[in-house]
Amino acid sequence: MNREMRRMAEREERRNKQQGDRRRSPIAGAPGGDGSVAGRWGRLVQFLREVRVELSRVNWPNRRQMIAFTTVTVITTGVLTGYVFLVDLALSRSVLAGIRALTG
C-alpha cells in the first residue's frame, strides 16, 4: 500500500469517527424496513450520498493528462479502424474473386 492510499484510508477513518456510523440496518417491523416506498427512497438517498463520497475520492486527471489520453485514444481508434478496413477489403475481394473463378 503506497503512502497516498494509506493517507486516504486514515482520512476515511477520521471522517467516520467524526460523523459516527449513520448507517442504520432496517429493523423488522420498522417503517420502510420491508421494501416499502419509504425504505426504497431512503436507500436511494443513502446510495447517492455514498456515490458523492466516492466521487470526491477520485483522482481526476488534469487538462494535460486528458489531452494526452484523448490523443492516444483517437490515434489508436484510427489505426485499428484502418486495419479492420484493409482486412475487410482484402477478404471481400478475395472471396469475390474466388466466386468469379468458380462461376466462370
N, C-alpha and C. Protein backbone atom coordinates (compact mmCIF):
# COMPACT_ATOMS: atom_id res chain seq x y z
N MET A 1 0.86 -1.17 0.00
CA MET A 1 0.00 0.00 0.00
C MET A 1 0.91 1.23 0.00
N ASN A 2 0.70 2.11 -0.94
CA ASN A 2 1.56 3.28 -1.01
C ASN A 2 1.09 4.37 -0.04
N ARG A 3 1.88 5.41 0.08
CA ARG A 3 1.58 6.48 1.03
C ARG A 3 0.24 7.13 0.78
N GLU A 4 -0.06 7.37 -0.48
CA GLU A 4 -1.31 8.06 -0.82
C GLU A 4 -2.52 7.24 -0.39
N MET A 5 -2.47 5.94 -0.65
CA MET A 5 -3.58 5.08 -0.25
C MET A 5 -3.70 5.02 1.28
N ARG A 6 -2.56 4.96 1.98
CA ARG A 6 -2.58 4.92 3.44
C ARG A 6 -3.18 6.20 4.00
N ARG A 7 -2.77 7.34 3.43
CA ARG A 7 -3.32 8.62 3.89
C ARG A 7 -4.82 8.70 3.63
N MET A 8 -5.25 8.20 2.48
CA MET A 8 -6.67 8.22 2.15
C MET A 8 -7.45 7.35 3.15
N ALA A 9 -6.89 6.20 3.50
CA ALA A 9 -7.55 5.32 4.47
C ALA A 9 -7.62 5.99 5.84
N GLU A 10 -6.55 6.66 6.23
CA GLU A 10 -6.56 7.37 7.52
C GLU A 10 -7.58 8.49 7.53
N ARG A 11 -7.67 9.25 6.43
CA ARG A 11 -8.68 10.30 6.35
C ARG A 11 -10.08 9.74 6.45
N GLU A 12 -10.30 8.61 5.79
CA GLU A 12 -11.62 7.98 5.84
C GLU A 12 -11.96 7.53 7.26
N GLU A 13 -10.98 6.97 7.96
CA GLU A 13 -11.23 6.56 9.34
C GLU A 13 -11.56 7.76 10.22
N ARG A 14 -10.82 8.85 10.06
CA ARG A 14 -11.11 10.06 10.84
C ARG A 14 -12.50 10.59 10.52
N ARG A 15 -12.85 10.59 9.24
CA ARG A 15 -14.17 11.08 8.82
C ARG A 15 -15.27 10.22 9.42
N ASN A 16 -15.07 8.91 9.44
CA ASN A 16 -16.06 8.01 10.02
C ASN A 16 -16.20 8.23 11.53
N LYS A 17 -15.08 8.47 12.21
CA LYS A 17 -15.13 8.71 13.65
C LYS A 17 -15.85 10.02 13.96
N GLN A 18 -15.63 11.05 13.14
CA GLN A 18 -16.26 12.35 13.37
C GLN A 18 -17.76 12.29 13.12
N GLN A 19 -18.16 11.62 12.08
CA GLN A 19 -19.57 11.58 11.72
C GLN A 19 -20.31 10.51 12.49
N GLY A 20 -19.62 9.51 12.96
CA GLY A 20 -20.30 8.39 13.60
C GLY A 20 -20.90 7.52 12.52
N ASP A 21 -21.32 6.36 12.89
CA ASP A 21 -21.89 5.46 11.90
C ASP A 21 -23.35 5.81 11.72
N ARG A 22 -23.67 6.49 10.61
CA ARG A 22 -25.04 6.94 10.35
C ARG A 22 -25.87 5.86 9.67
N ARG A 23 -25.22 4.80 9.28
CA ARG A 23 -25.97 3.74 8.61
C ARG A 23 -26.78 2.98 9.64
N ARG A 24 -28.03 2.76 9.33
CA ARG A 24 -28.89 2.00 10.21
C ARG A 24 -29.43 0.82 9.44
N SER A 25 -29.31 -0.34 10.05
CA SER A 25 -29.86 -1.51 9.38
C SER A 25 -31.36 -1.53 9.62
N PRO A 26 -32.13 -1.93 8.62
CA PRO A 26 -33.57 -1.96 8.80
C PRO A 26 -33.96 -2.99 9.84
N ILE A 27 -34.84 -2.58 10.74
CA ILE A 27 -35.33 -3.46 11.79
C ILE A 27 -36.65 -4.04 11.34
N ALA A 28 -36.84 -5.33 11.61
CA ALA A 28 -38.08 -5.98 11.19
C ALA A 28 -39.25 -5.28 11.86
N GLY A 29 -40.23 -4.94 11.07
CA GLY A 29 -41.41 -4.27 11.58
C GLY A 29 -41.32 -2.77 11.60
N ALA A 30 -40.12 -2.22 11.33
CA ALA A 30 -39.97 -0.77 11.31
C ALA A 30 -40.47 -0.24 9.98
N PRO A 31 -40.97 1.00 9.95
CA PRO A 31 -41.45 1.54 8.67
C PRO A 31 -40.30 1.65 7.68
N GLY A 32 -40.56 1.17 6.50
CA GLY A 32 -39.55 1.24 5.44
C GLY A 32 -38.59 0.08 5.46
N GLY A 33 -38.64 -0.78 6.47
CA GLY A 33 -37.72 -1.90 6.54
C GLY A 33 -38.15 -3.09 5.73
N ASP A 34 -39.34 -3.05 5.16
CA ASP A 34 -39.86 -4.19 4.43
C ASP A 34 -39.86 -3.99 2.92
N GLY A 35 -39.11 -3.01 2.41
CA GLY A 35 -39.08 -2.76 0.98
C GLY A 35 -40.16 -1.82 0.52
N SER A 36 -40.76 -1.09 1.45
CA SER A 36 -41.80 -0.15 1.08
C SER A 36 -41.19 1.04 0.36
N VAL A 37 -42.04 1.95 -0.05
CA VAL A 37 -41.58 3.11 -0.81
C VAL A 37 -40.62 3.95 0.03
N ALA A 38 -40.96 4.17 1.30
CA ALA A 38 -40.08 4.98 2.16
C ALA A 38 -38.71 4.33 2.30
N GLY A 39 -38.67 3.00 2.42
CA GLY A 39 -37.40 2.29 2.52
C GLY A 39 -36.60 2.40 1.24
N ARG A 40 -37.28 2.35 0.13
CA ARG A 40 -36.58 2.47 -1.15
C ARG A 40 -36.00 3.86 -1.33
N TRP A 41 -36.78 4.89 -0.97
CA TRP A 41 -36.27 6.26 -1.08
C TRP A 41 -35.09 6.47 -0.14
N GLY A 42 -35.18 5.91 1.03
CA GLY A 42 -34.08 6.03 1.98
C GLY A 42 -32.81 5.38 1.46
N ARG A 43 -32.98 4.18 0.87
CA ARG A 43 -31.82 3.50 0.29
C ARG A 43 -31.26 4.27 -0.89
N LEU A 44 -32.14 4.88 -1.69
CA LEU A 44 -31.69 5.67 -2.84
C LEU A 44 -30.89 6.88 -2.36
N VAL A 45 -31.41 7.56 -1.35
CA VAL A 45 -30.70 8.73 -0.82
C VAL A 45 -29.35 8.31 -0.25
N GLN A 46 -29.31 7.19 0.47
CA GLN A 46 -28.05 6.71 1.03
C GLN A 46 -27.08 6.36 -0.09
N PHE A 47 -27.58 5.70 -1.13
CA PHE A 47 -26.73 5.34 -2.27
C PHE A 47 -26.14 6.59 -2.91
N LEU A 48 -26.97 7.62 -3.13
CA LEU A 48 -26.48 8.84 -3.77
C LEU A 48 -25.45 9.55 -2.88
N ARG A 49 -25.63 9.50 -1.58
CA ARG A 49 -24.63 10.09 -0.68
C ARG A 49 -23.31 9.34 -0.78
N GLU A 50 -23.39 8.01 -0.83
CA GLU A 50 -22.17 7.22 -0.95
C GLU A 50 -21.48 7.45 -2.29
N VAL A 51 -22.27 7.63 -3.34
CA VAL A 51 -21.69 7.94 -4.66
C VAL A 51 -20.95 9.26 -4.60
N ARG A 52 -21.55 10.24 -3.94
CA ARG A 52 -20.91 11.56 -3.81
C ARG A 52 -19.58 11.45 -3.06
N VAL A 53 -19.56 10.65 -1.99
CA VAL A 53 -18.32 10.47 -1.23
C VAL A 53 -17.27 9.78 -2.09
N GLU A 54 -17.66 8.75 -2.83
CA GLU A 54 -16.71 8.04 -3.68
C GLU A 54 -16.16 8.95 -4.78
N LEU A 55 -17.02 9.78 -5.37
CA LEU A 55 -16.56 10.68 -6.42
C LEU A 55 -15.62 11.75 -5.87
N SER A 56 -15.76 12.10 -4.59
CA SER A 56 -14.83 13.06 -4.01
C SER A 56 -13.45 12.45 -3.83
N ARG A 57 -13.37 11.12 -3.77
CA ARG A 57 -12.09 10.44 -3.61
C ARG A 57 -11.37 10.20 -4.93
N VAL A 58 -12.07 10.36 -6.04
CA VAL A 58 -11.48 10.06 -7.35
C VAL A 58 -10.35 11.04 -7.63
N ASN A 59 -9.28 10.52 -8.15
CA ASN A 59 -8.14 11.34 -8.54
C ASN A 59 -8.33 11.69 -10.01
N TRP A 60 -8.99 12.83 -10.28
CA TRP A 60 -9.33 13.21 -11.64
C TRP A 60 -8.09 13.68 -12.39
N PRO A 61 -7.98 13.35 -13.69
CA PRO A 61 -6.83 13.81 -14.47
C PRO A 61 -6.91 15.31 -14.74
N ASN A 62 -5.73 15.93 -14.87
CA ASN A 62 -5.71 17.35 -15.19
C ASN A 62 -5.86 17.54 -16.70
N ARG A 63 -5.86 18.77 -17.14
CA ARG A 63 -6.11 19.06 -18.56
C ARG A 63 -5.05 18.43 -19.47
N ARG A 64 -3.81 18.51 -19.07
CA ARG A 64 -2.71 17.97 -19.90
C ARG A 64 -2.85 16.45 -20.04
N GLN A 65 -3.15 15.76 -18.94
CA GLN A 65 -3.34 14.32 -19.00
C GLN A 65 -4.53 13.96 -19.88
N MET A 66 -5.60 14.75 -19.77
CA MET A 66 -6.81 14.47 -20.54
C MET A 66 -6.53 14.60 -22.04
N ILE A 67 -5.77 15.61 -22.42
CA ILE A 67 -5.42 15.80 -23.82
C ILE A 67 -4.57 14.62 -24.30
N ALA A 68 -3.61 14.18 -23.48
CA ALA A 68 -2.76 13.04 -23.85
C ALA A 68 -3.59 11.77 -23.99
N PHE A 69 -4.49 11.50 -23.05
CA PHE A 69 -5.32 10.30 -23.12
C PHE A 69 -6.22 10.33 -24.35
N THR A 70 -6.81 11.49 -24.62
CA THR A 70 -7.70 11.61 -25.77
C THR A 70 -6.94 11.41 -27.07
N THR A 71 -5.73 11.98 -27.16
CA THR A 71 -4.91 11.83 -28.35
C THR A 71 -4.56 10.37 -28.60
N VAL A 72 -4.15 9.67 -27.55
CA VAL A 72 -3.82 8.26 -27.68
C VAL A 72 -5.04 7.46 -28.12
N THR A 73 -6.20 7.77 -27.56
CA THR A 73 -7.42 7.05 -27.90
C THR A 73 -7.81 7.28 -29.35
N VAL A 74 -7.74 8.53 -29.82
CA VAL A 74 -8.13 8.84 -31.20
C VAL A 74 -7.16 8.19 -32.19
N ILE A 75 -5.88 8.25 -31.90
CA ILE A 75 -4.88 7.64 -32.80
C ILE A 75 -5.06 6.12 -32.84
N THR A 76 -5.23 5.49 -31.68
CA THR A 76 -5.42 4.04 -31.63
C THR A 76 -6.68 3.62 -32.37
N THR A 77 -7.75 4.37 -32.17
CA THR A 77 -9.00 4.07 -32.86
C THR A 77 -8.84 4.19 -34.37
N GLY A 78 -8.15 5.23 -34.82
CA GLY A 78 -7.92 5.41 -36.25
C GLY A 78 -7.10 4.29 -36.85
N VAL A 79 -6.03 3.90 -36.17
CA VAL A 79 -5.18 2.82 -36.68
C VAL A 79 -5.95 1.51 -36.74
N LEU A 80 -6.69 1.19 -35.69
CA LEU A 80 -7.45 -0.06 -35.69
C LEU A 80 -8.57 -0.04 -36.73
N THR A 81 -9.20 1.10 -36.93
CA THR A 81 -10.23 1.22 -37.95
C THR A 81 -9.64 0.99 -39.33
N GLY A 82 -8.50 1.60 -39.60
CA GLY A 82 -7.83 1.39 -40.88
C GLY A 82 -7.43 -0.06 -41.09
N TYR A 83 -6.92 -0.71 -40.07
CA TYR A 83 -6.53 -2.12 -40.16
C TYR A 83 -7.74 -2.99 -40.47
N VAL A 84 -8.82 -2.80 -39.74
CA VAL A 84 -10.02 -3.60 -39.97
C VAL A 84 -10.57 -3.33 -41.37
N PHE A 85 -10.53 -2.08 -41.82
CA PHE A 85 -10.98 -1.75 -43.17
C PHE A 85 -10.16 -2.49 -44.23
N LEU A 86 -8.85 -2.49 -44.08
CA LEU A 86 -7.99 -3.15 -45.06
C LEU A 86 -8.18 -4.66 -45.06
N VAL A 87 -8.31 -5.25 -43.88
CA VAL A 87 -8.54 -6.70 -43.80
C VAL A 87 -9.88 -7.03 -44.43
N ASP A 88 -10.90 -6.25 -44.13
CA ASP A 88 -12.22 -6.48 -44.71
C ASP A 88 -12.18 -6.34 -46.23
N LEU A 89 -11.51 -5.32 -46.73
CA LEU A 89 -11.40 -5.11 -48.16
C LEU A 89 -10.69 -6.28 -48.84
N ALA A 90 -9.58 -6.73 -48.24
CA ALA A 90 -8.82 -7.84 -48.82
C ALA A 90 -9.65 -9.12 -48.82
N LEU A 91 -10.32 -9.40 -47.72
CA LEU A 91 -11.13 -10.62 -47.65
C LEU A 91 -12.31 -10.57 -48.62
N SER A 92 -12.97 -9.43 -48.70
CA SER A 92 -14.13 -9.35 -49.59
C SER A 92 -13.69 -9.51 -51.05
N ARG A 93 -12.58 -8.89 -51.43
CA ARG A 93 -12.10 -9.03 -52.81
C ARG A 93 -11.66 -10.45 -53.11
N SER A 94 -11.02 -11.10 -52.13
CA SER A 94 -10.58 -12.48 -52.37
C SER A 94 -11.78 -13.43 -52.48
N VAL A 95 -12.79 -13.22 -51.66
CA VAL A 95 -13.99 -14.05 -51.74
C VAL A 95 -14.69 -13.81 -53.07
N LEU A 96 -14.83 -12.56 -53.48
CA LEU A 96 -15.47 -12.27 -54.77
C LEU A 96 -14.67 -12.84 -55.93
N ALA A 97 -13.34 -12.77 -55.87
CA ALA A 97 -12.51 -13.33 -56.92
C ALA A 97 -12.67 -14.84 -56.96
N GLY A 98 -12.78 -15.48 -55.82
CA GLY A 98 -13.00 -16.93 -55.76
C GLY A 98 -14.34 -17.31 -56.33
N ILE A 99 -15.37 -16.53 -56.05
CA ILE A 99 -16.70 -16.81 -56.59
C ILE A 99 -16.70 -16.64 -58.10
N ARG A 100 -16.04 -15.58 -58.61
CA ARG A 100 -15.98 -15.36 -60.07
C ARG A 100 -15.23 -16.50 -60.75
N ALA A 101 -14.17 -16.99 -60.11
CA ALA A 101 -13.39 -18.07 -60.70
C ALA A 101 -14.22 -19.35 -60.76
N LEU A 102 -15.03 -19.59 -59.77
CA LEU A 102 -15.84 -20.81 -59.77
C LEU A 102 -17.02 -20.74 -60.73
N THR A 103 -17.59 -19.53 -60.91
CA THR A 103 -18.76 -19.40 -61.77
C THR A 103 -18.38 -19.11 -63.21
N GLY A 104 -17.17 -18.80 -63.44
CA GLY A 104 -16.72 -18.73 -64.79
C GLY A 104 -16.63 -17.49 -65.49
